[in-house]
Amino acid sequence: MKQYVALWLLIVKGLLLPAQLYDAQWVLGYNTSVVDFRDLDTVKTYTIPTNNYFSITNTSICNSSGNLLFYTNGISICTPNDTLPNGSGLSPSSYTTSLNCCGLNIPQAALFIPKPGSSRYYYLFHFTNDSLSIGRPGTLYYTLLDTSGNNGIGQVVEKNIPLLSGIALREGGMTACKHANGRDYWLIIGSYNTNTFYKFLITPNNIEGPFTQSIGPIFPKPYDPAYSKFSQGGSKFATGIAVGPIIVMDFDRCSGYFSNPHTFFHVAYVELIPAYLLMTHGASVNFVKRVLV
């Protein structure tokens, strides 16, 4: 197992760009530990004081120099020293309240993005399982943070502002990449039990969207908790689940348009429901063997 962790760290180090080190430090674990990638020759770790424990939901943001600013477990926003004033109570719902002890357990349910054109403001996009009848997210929120507010400690300017509501979303899988102009950002999230993706364009002046596109297969219930990732250059997008389909598509960073989808399936999934594959995808399905660590 250790060799796979070491390889993973080497890959992550290779993805870091010296010009903008927004992802140079990761906060994780119960202690809580910080993994520091600022020195590209040595990966360092250290601990920080916190009561903000993690289950699965986890994201952090640094400034462009790699200094840690904020992190969250999907319920509270913290600085390296303490919980940010007015930083608790994210994504309100009974599901969120039930997990106050240890953070949300939804993959990729929170994401920091620097506000384009500003070194002072940062967005946090977040959601929870607030559609309890189906156990899926029903609202996508944003919270705006000011790094200079509260005498430099940081300040919540806006919190829990609904960006998308009344539509069931996949349980996880929110991700983003830069627009081709090198300034703006595309934010992507999929819908529940359909093949529709919701896209937002984050600019210096506002958040545009949602723009929608339906492409690729539907992730069948209940196997849709999602993991998504853009390639380093943003031209490829992949989304998948632990047991089930994986979609790889081209992405146009100018228009935000997906194209050329390729669908793969885990072997374990094929053995579980082969009839589903035959009925919906025929005999031309590409299969990928799952690697067991």
C-alpha atoms as a PDB file:
ATOM      1  CA  MET A   1       0.000   0.000   0.000  1.00  0.00           C
ATOM      2  CA  LYS A   2       2.828   2.413   0.838  1.00  0.00           C
ATOM      3  CA  GLN A   3       4.239   2.282  -2.664  1.00  0.00           C
ATOM      4  CA  TYR A   4       0.881   3.373  -4.101  1.00  0.00           C
ATOM      5  CA  VAL A   5       0.700   6.301  -1.666  1.00  0.00           C
ATOM      6  CA  ALA A   6       4.230   7.344  -2.613  1.00  0.00           C
ATOM      7  CA  LEU A   7       3.363   7.186  -6.317  1.00  0.00           C
ATOM      8  CA  TRP A   8       0.211   9.212  -5.693  1.00  0.00           C
ATOM      9  CA  LEU A   9       2.195  11.916  -3.912  1.00  0.00           C
ATOM     10  CA  LEU A  10       4.698  12.096  -6.761  1.00  0.00           C
ATOM     11  CA  ILE A  11       1.879  12.523  -9.263  1.00  0.00           C
ATOM     12  CA  VAL A  12       0.282  15.275  -7.174  1.00  0.00           C
ATOM     13  CA  LYS A  13       3.604  17.090  -6.850  1.00  0.00           C
ATOM     14  CA  GLY A  14       3.972  16.998 -10.606  1.00  0.00           C
ATOM     15  CA  LEU A  15       0.624  18.718 -11.037  1.00  0.00           C
ATOM     16  CA  LEU A  16       1.478  21.727  -8.878  1.00  0.00           C
ATOM     17  CA  LEU A  17       2.232  24.917 -10.771  1.00  0.00           C
ATOM     18  CA  PRO A  18       4.792  27.288  -9.210  1.00  0.00           C
ATOM     19  CA  ALA A  19       2.916  30.376 -10.464  1.00  0.00           C
ATOM     20  CA  GLN A  20      -0.309  29.741  -8.519  1.00  0.00           C
ATOM     21  CA  LEU A  21      -0.142  27.396  -5.552  1.00  0.00           C
ATOM     22  CA  TYR A  22      -3.820  27.408  -4.599  1.00  0.00           C
ATOM     23  CA  ASP A  23      -3.681  23.648  -3.917  1.00  0.00           C
ATOM     24  CA  ALA A  24      -0.207  23.547  -2.347  1.00  0.00           C
ATOM     25  CA  GLN A  25      -1.450  22.478   1.100  1.00  0.00           C
ATOM     26  CA  TRP A  26      -4.080  19.888   1.947  1.00  0.00           C
ATOM     27  CA  VAL A  27      -5.796  19.588   5.313  1.00  0.00           C
ATOM     28  CA  LEU A  28      -6.970  16.101   6.251  1.00  0.00           C
ATOM     29  CA  GLY A  29      -7.343  13.562   9.006  1.00  0.00           C
ATOM     30  CA  TYR A  30      -8.739  13.639  12.517  1.00  0.00           C
ATOM     31  CA  ASN A  31      -5.689  15.259  14.212  1.00  0.00           C
ATOM     32  CA  THR A  32      -5.725  17.527  11.990  1.00  0.00           C
ATOM     33  CA  SER A  33      -2.744  17.143   9.621  1.00  0.00           C
ATOM     34  CA  VAL A  34      -1.598  19.333   6.755  1.00  0.00           C
ATOM     35  CA  VAL A  35       0.281  17.928   3.770  1.00  0.00           C
ATOM     36  CA  ASP A  36       2.519  20.664   2.380  1.00  0.00           C
ATOM     37  CA  PHE A  37       3.655  20.457  -1.265  1.00  0.00           C
ATOM     38  CA  ARG A  38       5.287  23.895  -1.504  1.00  0.00           C
ATOM     39  CA  ASP A  39       8.766  22.411  -1.572  1.00  0.00           C
ATOM     40  CA  LEU A  40       8.685  20.332  -4.753  1.00  0.00           C
ATOM     41  CA  ASP A  41      11.629  18.251  -3.547  1.00  0.00           C
ATOM     42  CA  THR A  42      10.165  17.269  -0.162  1.00  0.00           C
ATOM     43  CA  VAL A  43       6.594  16.627   0.958  1.00  0.00           C
ATOM     44  CA  LYS A  44       6.157  17.927   4.503  1.00  0.00           C
ATOM     45  CA  THR A  45       3.428  17.439   7.092  1.00  0.00           C
ATOM     46  CA  TYR A  46       2.427  19.342  10.212  1.00  0.00           C
ATOM     47  CA  THR A  47      -0.594  19.578  12.500  1.00  0.00           C
ATOM     48  CA  ILE A  48      -2.842  22.520  13.290  1.00  0.00           C
ATOM     49  CA  PRO A  49      -5.289  23.127  16.164  1.00  0.00           C
ATOM     50  CA  THR A  50      -8.874  22.415  15.168  1.00  0.00           C
ATOM     51  CA  ASN A  51     -12.185  20.902  16.172  1.00  0.00           C
ATOM     52  CA  ASN A  52     -13.138  20.590  12.496  1.00  0.00           C
ATOM     53  CA  TYR A  53     -12.873  16.851  11.902  1.00  0.00           C
ATOM     54  CA  PHE A  54     -13.216  15.122   8.555  1.00  0.00           C
ATOM     55  CA  SER A  55     -15.221  12.204   7.268  1.00  0.00           C
ATOM     56  CA  ILE A  56     -15.139  12.380   3.439  1.00  0.00           C
ATOM     57  CA  THR A  57     -15.984  15.961   2.431  1.00  0.00           C
ATOM     58  CA  ASN A  58     -12.748  17.915   2.460  1.00  0.00           C
ATOM     59  CA  THR A  59     -11.329  20.908   0.598  1.00  0.00           C
ATOM     60  CA  SER A  60      -8.799  23.650   1.308  1.00  0.00           C
ATOM     61  CA  ILE A  61      -7.452  26.747  -0.430  1.00  0.00           C
ATOM     62  CA  CYS A  62      -4.144  28.618  -0.333  1.00  0.00           C
ATOM     63  CA  ASN A  63      -3.260  32.014  -1.708  1.00  0.00           C
ATOM     64  CA  SER A  64      -1.240  32.223  -4.913  1.00  0.00           C
ATOM     65  CA  SER A  65       1.980  31.892  -2.876  1.00  0.00           C
ATOM     66  CA  GLY A  66       0.864  28.622  -1.262  1.00  0.00           C
ATOM     67  CA  ASN A  67       0.017  29.934   2.220  1.00  0.00           C
ATOM     68  CA  LEU A  68      -2.971  28.115   3.707  1.00  0.00           C
ATOM     69  CA  LEU A  69      -6.069  30.332   3.995  1.00  0.00           C
ATOM     70  CA  PHE A  70      -9.195  28.233   4.616  1.00  0.00           C
ATOM     71  CA  TYR A  71     -10.391  24.648   4.786  1.00  0.00           C
ATOM     72  CA  THR A  72     -13.731  22.949   5.401  1.00  0.00           C
ATOM     73  CA  ASN A  73     -15.362  19.610   6.145  1.00  0.00           C
ATOM     74  CA  GLY A  74     -18.569  20.766   4.459  1.00  0.00           C
ATOM     75  CA  ILE A  75     -20.089  22.023   7.721  1.00  0.00           C
ATOM     76  CA  SER A  76     -17.690  24.706   9.044  1.00  0.00           C
ATOM     77  CA  ILE A  77     -14.998  26.892   7.491  1.00  0.00           C
ATOM     78  CA  CYS A  78     -11.704  27.153   9.374  1.00  0.00           C
ATOM     79  CA  THR A  79      -8.520  29.182   9.161  1.00  0.00           C
ATOM     80  CA  PRO A  80      -5.210  27.538  10.138  1.00  0.00           C
ATOM     81  CA  ASN A  81      -5.864  28.681  13.732  1.00  0.00           C
ATOM     82  CA  ASP A  82      -9.590  28.394  14.420  1.00  0.00           C
ATOM     83  CA  THR A  83     -13.102  28.257  13.009  1.00  0.00           C
ATOM     84  CA  LEU A  84     -13.786  31.357  10.952  1.00  0.00           C
ATOM     85  CA  PRO A  85     -16.267  33.748  12.646  1.00  0.00           C
ATOM     86  CA  ASN A  86     -19.711  33.012  11.177  1.00  0.00           C
ATOM     87  CA  GLY A  87     -18.064  30.113   9.340  1.00  0.00           C
ATOM     88  CA  SER A  88     -20.240  27.349  10.794  1.00  0.00           C
ATOM     89  CA  GLY A  89     -23.681  26.259   9.631  1.00  0.00           C
ATOM     90  CA  LEU A  90     -22.914  25.530   5.986  1.00  0.00           C
ATOM     91  CA  SER A  91     -25.542  23.805   3.817  1.00  0.00           C
ATOM     92  CA  PRO A  92     -28.266  23.725   6.494  1.00  0.00           C
ATOM     93  CA  SER A  93     -30.354  20.559   6.733  1.00  0.00           C
ATOM     94  CA  SER A  94     -31.101  17.815   9.225  1.00  0.00           C
ATOM     95  CA  TYR A  95     -28.581  15.617   7.414  1.00  0.00           C
ATOM     96  CA  THR A  96     -25.850  18.214   7.973  1.00  0.00           C
ATOM     97  CA  THR A  97     -26.801  18.605  11.628  1.00  0.00           C
ATOM     98  CA  SER A  98     -26.560  14.854  12.172  1.00  0.00           C
ATOM     99  CA  LEU A  99     -22.890  14.964  11.095  1.00  0.00           C
ATOM    100  CA  ASN A 100     -21.716  17.973  13.121  1.00  0.00           C
ATOM    101  CA  CYS A 101     -19.332  15.694  15.002  1.00  0.00           C
ATOM    102  CA  CYS A 102     -17.185  14.731  12.052  1.00  0.00           C
ATOM    103  CA  GLY A 103     -18.091  16.461   8.802  1.00  0.00           C
ATOM    104  CA  LEU A 104     -20.102  15.482   5.755  1.00  0.00           C
ATOM    105  CA  ASN A 105     -19.466  12.112   4.151  1.00  0.00           C
ATOM    106  CA  ILE A 106     -20.118  13.124   0.534  1.00  0.00           C
ATOM    107  CA  PRO A 107     -17.234  13.051  -1.979  1.00  0.00           C
ATOM    108  CA  GLN A 108     -16.403  16.392  -3.603  1.00  0.00           C
ATOM    109  CA  ALA A 109     -19.273  18.238  -1.911  1.00  0.00           C
ATOM    110  CA  ALA A 110     -17.257  21.422  -1.306  1.00  0.00           C
ATOM    111  CA  LEU A 111     -14.840  23.366  -3.479  1.00  0.00           C
ATOM    112  CA  PHE A 112     -12.946  26.648  -3.027  1.00  0.00           C
ATOM    113  CA  ILE A 113     -12.329  28.807  -6.100  1.00  0.00           C
ATOM    114  CA  PRO A 114     -10.493  32.165  -6.119  1.00  0.00           C
ATOM    115  CA  LYS A 115     -12.728  34.980  -7.326  1.00  0.00           C
ATOM    116  CA  PRO A 116     -11.374  35.853 -10.775  1.00  0.00           C
ATOM    117  CA  GLY A 117      -9.477  39.110 -10.903  1.00  0.00           C
ATOM    118  CA  SER A 118      -9.121  39.344  -7.114  1.00  0.00           C
ATOM    119  CA  SER A 119      -6.471  38.278  -4.626  1.00  0.00           C
ATOM    120  CA  ARG A 120      -8.773  39.109  -1.717  1.00  0.00           C
ATOM    121  CA  TYR A 121     -12.013  37.164  -2.255  1.00  0.00           C
ATOM    122  CA  TYR A 122     -12.637  33.426  -2.497  1.00  0.00           C
ATOM    123  CA  TYR A 123     -15.768  31.433  -3.273  1.00  0.00           C
ATOM    124  CA  LEU A 124     -16.752  28.233  -1.519  1.00  0.00           C
ATOM    125  CA  PHE A 125     -19.278  26.124  -3.435  1.00  0.00           C
ATOM    126  CA  HIS A 126     -20.994  23.476  -1.330  1.00  0.00           C
ATOM    127  CA  PHE A 127     -23.993  21.183  -0.910  1.00  0.00           C
ATOM    128  CA  THR A 128     -25.409  18.448   1.320  1.00  0.00           C
ATOM    129  CA  ASN A 129     -28.035  15.698   1.137  1.00  0.00           C
ATOM    130  CA  ASP A 130     -30.966  18.003   1.802  1.00  0.00           C
ATOM    131  CA  SER A 131     -33.467  16.202  -0.455  1.00  0.00           C
ATOM    132  CA  LEU A 132     -34.110  13.603   2.212  1.00  0.00           C
ATOM    133  CA  SER A 133     -36.889  11.837   0.305  1.00  0.00           C
ATOM    134  CA  ILE A 134     -34.275  10.559  -2.160  1.00  0.00           C
ATOM    135  CA  GLY A 135     -31.152  11.083  -0.038  1.00  0.00           C
ATOM    136  CA  ARG A 136     -29.474  13.381  -2.561  1.00  0.00           C
ATOM    137  CA  PRO A 137     -28.465  17.049  -2.770  1.00  0.00           C
ATOM    138  CA  GLY A 138     -31.204  19.447  -3.817  1.00  0.00           C
ATOM    139  CA  THR A 139     -29.430  22.804  -3.447  1.00  0.00           C
ATOM    140  CA  LEU A 140     -26.041  24.062  -4.604  1.00  0.00           C
ATOM    141  CA  TYR A 141     -24.835  26.992  -2.469  1.00  0.00           C
ATOM    142  CA  TYR A 142     -21.997  29.475  -2.581  1.00  0.00           C
ATOM    143  CA  THR A 143     -20.317  31.329   0.272  1.00  0.00           C
ATOM    144  CA  LEU A 144     -18.048  34.333  -0.331  1.00  0.00           C
ATOM    145  CA  LEU A 145     -14.975  34.904   1.860  1.00  0.00           C
ATOM    146  CA  ASP A 146     -12.848  38.019   2.348  1.00  0.00           C
ATOM    147  CA  THR A 147      -9.248  37.294   3.361  1.00  0.00           C
ATOM    148  CA  SER A 148      -8.697  40.914   4.478  1.00  0.00           C
ATOM    149  CA  GLY A 149     -11.801  41.186   6.639  1.00  0.00           C
ATOM    150  CA  ASN A 150     -11.892  41.020  10.440  1.00  0.00           C
ATOM    151  CA  ASN A 151      -8.402  42.530  10.776  1.00  0.00           C
ATOM    152  CA  GLY A 152      -6.883  39.988   8.426  1.00  0.00           C
ATOM    153  CA  ILE A 153      -8.354  36.913  10.141  1.00  0.00           C
ATOM    154  CA  GLY A 154     -10.862  36.487   7.346  1.00  0.00           C
ATOM    155  CA  GLN A 155     -14.546  37.230   7.078  1.00  0.00           C
ATOM    156  CA  VAL A 156     -17.662  35.573   5.687  1.00  0.00           C
ATOM    157  CA  VAL A 157     -19.226  38.141   3.367  1.00  0.00           C
ATOM    158  CA  GLU A 158     -22.120  35.991   2.088  1.00  0.00           C
ATOM    159  CA  LYS A 159     -23.131  32.520   3.264  1.00  0.00           C
ATOM    160  CA  ASN A 160     -25.404  29.756   1.998  1.00  0.00           C
ATOM    161  CA  ILE A 161     -26.538  31.651  -1.095  1.00  0.00           C
ATOM    162  CA  PRO A 162     -28.541  29.232  -3.300  1.00  0.00           C
ATOM    163  CA  LEU A 163     -27.063  28.960  -6.775  1.00  0.00           C
ATOM    164  CA  LEU A 164     -29.157  26.030  -7.967  1.00  0.00           C
ATOM    165  CA  SER A 165     -32.185  24.559  -6.175  1.00  0.00           C
ATOM    166  CA  GLY A 166     -35.164  22.311  -6.715  1.00  0.00           C
ATOM    167  CA  ILE A 167     -33.156  19.859  -8.848  1.00  0.00           C
ATOM    168  CA  ALA A 168     -31.749  16.600  -7.497  1.00  0.00           C
ATOM    169  CA  LEU A 169     -27.975  16.420  -7.951  1.00  0.00           C
ATOM    170  CA  ARG A 170     -25.537  13.551  -7.903  1.00  0.00           C
ATOM    171  CA  GLU A 171     -24.138  12.753  -4.482  1.00  0.00           C
ATOM    172  CA  GLY A 172     -20.719  14.314  -5.060  1.00  0.00           C
ATOM    173  CA  GLY A 173     -18.516  14.889  -8.072  1.00  0.00           C
ATOM    174  CA  MET A 174     -18.356  18.704  -8.148  1.00  0.00           C
ATOM    175  CA  THR A 175     -15.190  19.973  -9.804  1.00  0.00           C
ATOM    176  CA  ALA A 176     -13.821  22.915 -11.778  1.00  0.00           C
ATOM    177  CA  CYS A 177     -11.188  24.051 -14.253  1.00  0.00           C
ATOM    178  CA  LYS A 178      -9.993  27.349 -15.667  1.00  0.00           C
ATOM    179  CA  HIS A 179     -11.602  28.939 -18.695  1.00  0.00           C
ATOM    180  CA  ALA A 180      -9.392  29.202 -21.774  1.00  0.00           C
ATOM    181  CA  ASN A 181      -8.932  32.908 -21.044  1.00  0.00           C
ATOM    182  CA  GLY A 182      -6.786  31.938 -18.035  1.00  0.00           C
ATOM    183  CA  ARG A 183      -8.867  34.034 -15.646  1.00  0.00           C
ATOM    184  CA  ASP A 184     -12.402  32.660 -15.261  1.00  0.00           C
ATOM    185  CA  TYR A 185     -13.459  29.223 -14.012  1.00  0.00           C
ATOM    186  CA  TRP A 186     -15.918  26.544 -15.112  1.00  0.00           C
ATOM    187  CA  LEU A 187     -17.769  24.766 -12.275  1.00  0.00           C
ATOM    188  CA  ILE A 188     -19.329  21.393 -13.158  1.00  0.00           C
ATOM    189  CA  ILE A 189     -21.790  19.160 -11.311  1.00  0.00           C
ATOM    190  CA  GLY A 190     -24.023  16.304 -12.513  1.00  0.00           C
ATOM    191  CA  SER A 191     -27.699  15.655 -11.871  1.00  0.00           C
ATOM    192  CA  TYR A 192     -29.232  12.658 -10.140  1.00  0.00           C
ATOM    193  CA  ASN A 193     -30.578   9.761 -12.210  1.00  0.00           C
ATOM    194  CA  THR A 194     -30.136  11.617 -15.529  1.00  0.00           C
ATOM    195  CA  ASN A 195     -27.176  12.284 -17.836  1.00  0.00           C
ATOM    196  CA  THR A 196     -27.421  16.075 -17.459  1.00  0.00           C
ATOM    197  CA  PHE A 197     -24.498  18.225 -16.323  1.00  0.00           C
ATOM    198  CA  TYR A 198     -24.916  21.704 -14.834  1.00  0.00           C
ATOM    199  CA  LYS A 199     -22.183  24.223 -15.634  1.00  0.00           C
ATOM    200  CA  PHE A 200     -21.434  27.645 -14.183  1.00  0.00           C
ATOM    201  CA  LEU A 201     -18.985  30.245 -15.475  1.00  0.00           C
ATOM    202  CA  ILE A 202     -17.336  32.197 -12.657  1.00  0.00           C
ATOM    203  CA  THR A 203     -16.172  35.640 -13.795  1.00  0.00           C
ATOM    204  CA  PRO A 204     -14.930  38.770 -11.984  1.00  0.00           C
ATOM    205  CA  ASN A 205     -18.415  40.276 -12.080  1.00  0.00           C
ATOM    206  CA  ASN A 206     -20.819  37.386 -11.478  1.00  0.00           C
ATOM    207  CA  ILE A 207     -21.573  33.675 -11.671  1.00  0.00           C
ATOM    208  CA  GLU A 208     -23.217  32.842 -14.993  1.00  0.00           C
ATOM    209  CA  GLY A 209     -25.461  29.831 -15.522  1.00  0.00           C
ATOM    210  CA  PRO A 210     -26.550  27.207 -15.061  1.00  0.00           C
ATOM    211  CA  PHE A 211     -25.814  25.976 -18.557  1.00  0.00           C
ATOM    212  CA  THR A 212     -26.939  22.409 -19.133  1.00  0.00           C
ATOM    213  CA  GLN A 213     -25.823  19.577 -21.372  1.00  0.00           C
ATOM    214  CA  SER A 214     -27.051  15.986 -21.496  1.00  0.00           C
ATOM    215  CA  ILE A 215     -24.393  13.528 -22.600  1.00  0.00           C
ATOM    216  CA  GLY A 216     -23.197  10.015 -21.787  1.00  0.00           C
ATOM    217  CA  PRO A 217     -24.971   7.306 -19.785  1.00  0.00           C
ATOM    218  CA  ILE A 218     -27.138   7.664 -16.721  1.00  0.00           C
ATOM    219  CA  PHE A 219     -25.532   6.529 -13.480  1.00  0.00           C
ATOM    220  CA  PRO A 220     -27.961   3.919 -12.164  1.00  0.00           C
ATOM    221  CA  LYS A 221     -29.400   4.089  -8.675  1.00  0.00           C
ATOM    222  CA  PRO A 222     -28.067   3.612  -6.041  1.00  0.00           C
ATOM    223  CA  TYR A 223     -24.521   3.574  -7.452  1.00  0.00           C
ATOM    224  CA  ASP A 224     -24.173   7.269  -8.290  1.00  0.00           C
ATOM    225  CA  PRO A 225     -21.965   8.878  -5.547  1.00  0.00           C
ATOM    226  CA  ALA A 226     -19.553  10.673  -7.844  1.00  0.00           C
ATOM    227  CA  TYR A 227     -15.884  11.454  -8.300  1.00  0.00           C
ATOM    228  CA  SER A 228     -14.898  13.845 -11.095  1.00  0.00           C
ATOM    229  CA  LYS A 229     -11.637  15.283 -12.412  1.00  0.00           C
ATOM    230  CA  PHE A 230     -10.316  17.495 -15.195  1.00  0.00           C
ATOM    231  CA  SER A 231      -6.967  16.801 -16.796  1.00  0.00           C
ATOM    232  CA  GLN A 232      -4.194  19.242 -15.961  1.00  0.00           C
ATOM    233  CA  GLY A 233      -4.763  21.253 -19.132  1.00  0.00           C
ATOM    234  CA  GLY A 234      -8.558  21.074 -18.829  1.00  0.00           C
ATOM    235  CA  SER A 235      -9.143  19.431 -22.212  1.00  0.00           C
ATOM    236  CA  LYS A 236     -10.346  16.129 -20.720  1.00  0.00           C
ATOM    237  CA  PHE A 237     -12.998  15.425 -18.106  1.00  0.00           C
ATOM    238  CA  ALA A 238     -13.616  12.154 -16.299  1.00  0.00           C
ATOM    239  CA  THR A 239     -16.361  11.216 -13.879  1.00  0.00           C
ATOM    240  CA  GLY A 240     -17.135   7.897 -12.282  1.00  0.00           C
ATOM    241  CA  ILE A 241     -18.214   5.989  -9.228  1.00  0.00           C
ATOM    242  CA  ALA A 242     -16.714   3.264  -7.072  1.00  0.00           C
ATOM    243  CA  VAL A 243     -18.819   0.543  -8.698  1.00  0.00           C
ATOM    244  CA  GLY A 244     -20.200   1.352 -12.136  1.00  0.00           C
ATOM    245  CA  PRO A 245     -19.576   3.445 -15.234  1.00  0.00           C
ATOM    246  CA  ILE A 246     -16.692   5.825 -15.873  1.00  0.00           C
ATOM    247  CA  ILE A 247     -17.114   8.543 -18.506  1.00  0.00           C
ATOM    248  CA  VAL A 248     -14.177  10.278 -20.207  1.00  0.00           C
ATOM    249  CA  MET A 249     -15.001  13.243 -22.460  1.00  0.00           C
ATOM    250  CA  ASP A 250     -13.366  16.102 -24.293  1.00  0.00           C
ATOM    251  CA  PHE A 251     -13.988  19.568 -22.847  1.00  0.00           C
ATOM    252  CA  ASP A 252     -13.881  22.903 -24.671  1.00  0.00           C
ATOM    253  CA  ARG A 253     -12.609  25.454 -22.147  1.00  0.00           C
ATOM    254  CA  CYS A 254     -13.975  28.329 -24.260  1.00  0.00           C
ATOM    255  CA  SER A 255     -17.570  27.173 -24.703  1.00  0.00           C
ATOM    256  CA  GLY A 256     -17.799  24.758 -21.757  1.00  0.00           C
ATOM    257  CA  TYR A 257     -19.081  22.067 -24.131  1.00  0.00           C
ATOM    258  CA  PHE A 258     -18.490  18.332 -23.617  1.00  0.00           C
ATOM    259  CA  SER A 259     -17.971  16.046 -26.609  1.00  0.00           C
ATOM    260  CA  ASN A 260     -16.710  12.632 -27.674  1.00  0.00           C
ATOM    261  CA  PRO A 261     -17.804  10.642 -24.582  1.00  0.00           C
ATOM    262  CA  HIS A 262     -16.284   7.231 -23.905  1.00  0.00           C
ATOM    263  CA  THR A 263     -17.867   4.956 -21.324  1.00  0.00           C
ATOM    264  CA  PHE A 264     -16.080   2.224 -19.396  1.00  0.00           C
ATOM    265  CA  PHE A 265     -17.296  -0.128 -16.699  1.00  0.00           C
ATOM    266  CA  HIS A 266     -15.686  -1.868 -13.759  1.00  0.00           C
ATOM    267  CA  VAL A 267     -15.629  -5.630 -14.128  1.00  0.00           C
ATOM    268  CA  ALA A 268     -17.242  -6.026 -10.706  1.00  0.00           C
ATOM    269  CA  TYR A 269     -20.132  -3.891 -11.905  1.00  0.00           C
ATOM    270  CA  VAL A 270     -20.539  -6.008 -15.022  1.00  0.00           C
ATOM    271  CA  GLU A 271     -20.793  -9.130 -12.913  1.00  0.00           C
ATOM    272  CA  LEU A 272     -23.330  -7.435 -10.665  1.00  0.00           C
ATOM    273  CA  ILE A 273     -25.825  -6.307 -13.289  1.00  0.00           C
ATOM    274  CA  PRO A 274     -24.862  -7.634 -16.744  1.00  0.00           C
ATOM    275  CA  ALA A 275     -28.441  -7.354 -17.967  1.00  0.00           C
ATOM    276  CA  TYR A 276     -28.366  -3.596 -17.456  1.00  0.00           C
ATOM    277  CA  LEU A 277     -25.258  -3.280 -19.621  1.00  0.00           C
ATOM    278  CA  LEU A 278     -26.628  -5.450 -22.403  1.00  0.00           C
ATOM    279  CA  MET A 279     -29.920  -3.606 -22.503  1.00  0.00           C
ATOM    280  CA  THR A 280     -28.484  -0.104 -22.409  1.00  0.00           C
ATOM    281  CA  HIS A 281     -25.081  -0.416 -24.078  1.00  0.00           C
ATOM    282  CA  GLY A 282     -25.094  -3.538 -26.241  1.00  0.00           C
ATOM    283  CA  ALA A 283     -22.037  -5.602 -27.039  1.00  0.00           C
ATOM    284  CA  SER A 284     -19.645  -2.706 -27.778  1.00  0.00           C
ATOM    285  CA  VAL A 285     -19.021  -1.760 -24.158  1.00  0.00           C
ATOM    286  CA  ASN A 286     -15.386  -1.242 -23.190  1.00  0.00           C
ATOM    287  CA  PHE A 287     -14.457  -2.880 -19.911  1.00  0.00           C
ATOM    288  CA  VAL A 288     -11.796  -1.755 -17.488  1.00  0.00           C
ATOM    289  CA  LYS A 289     -10.483  -4.134 -14.873  1.00  0.00           C
ATOM    290  CA  ARG A 290     -10.555  -2.725 -11.368  1.00  0.00           C
ATOM    291  CA  VAL A 291      -7.153  -2.572  -9.689  1.00  0.00           C
ATOM    292  CA  LEU A 292      -7.245  -3.943  -6.150  1.00  0.00           C
ATOM    293  CA  VAL A 293      -4.725  -2.438  -3.731  1.00  0.00           C
END
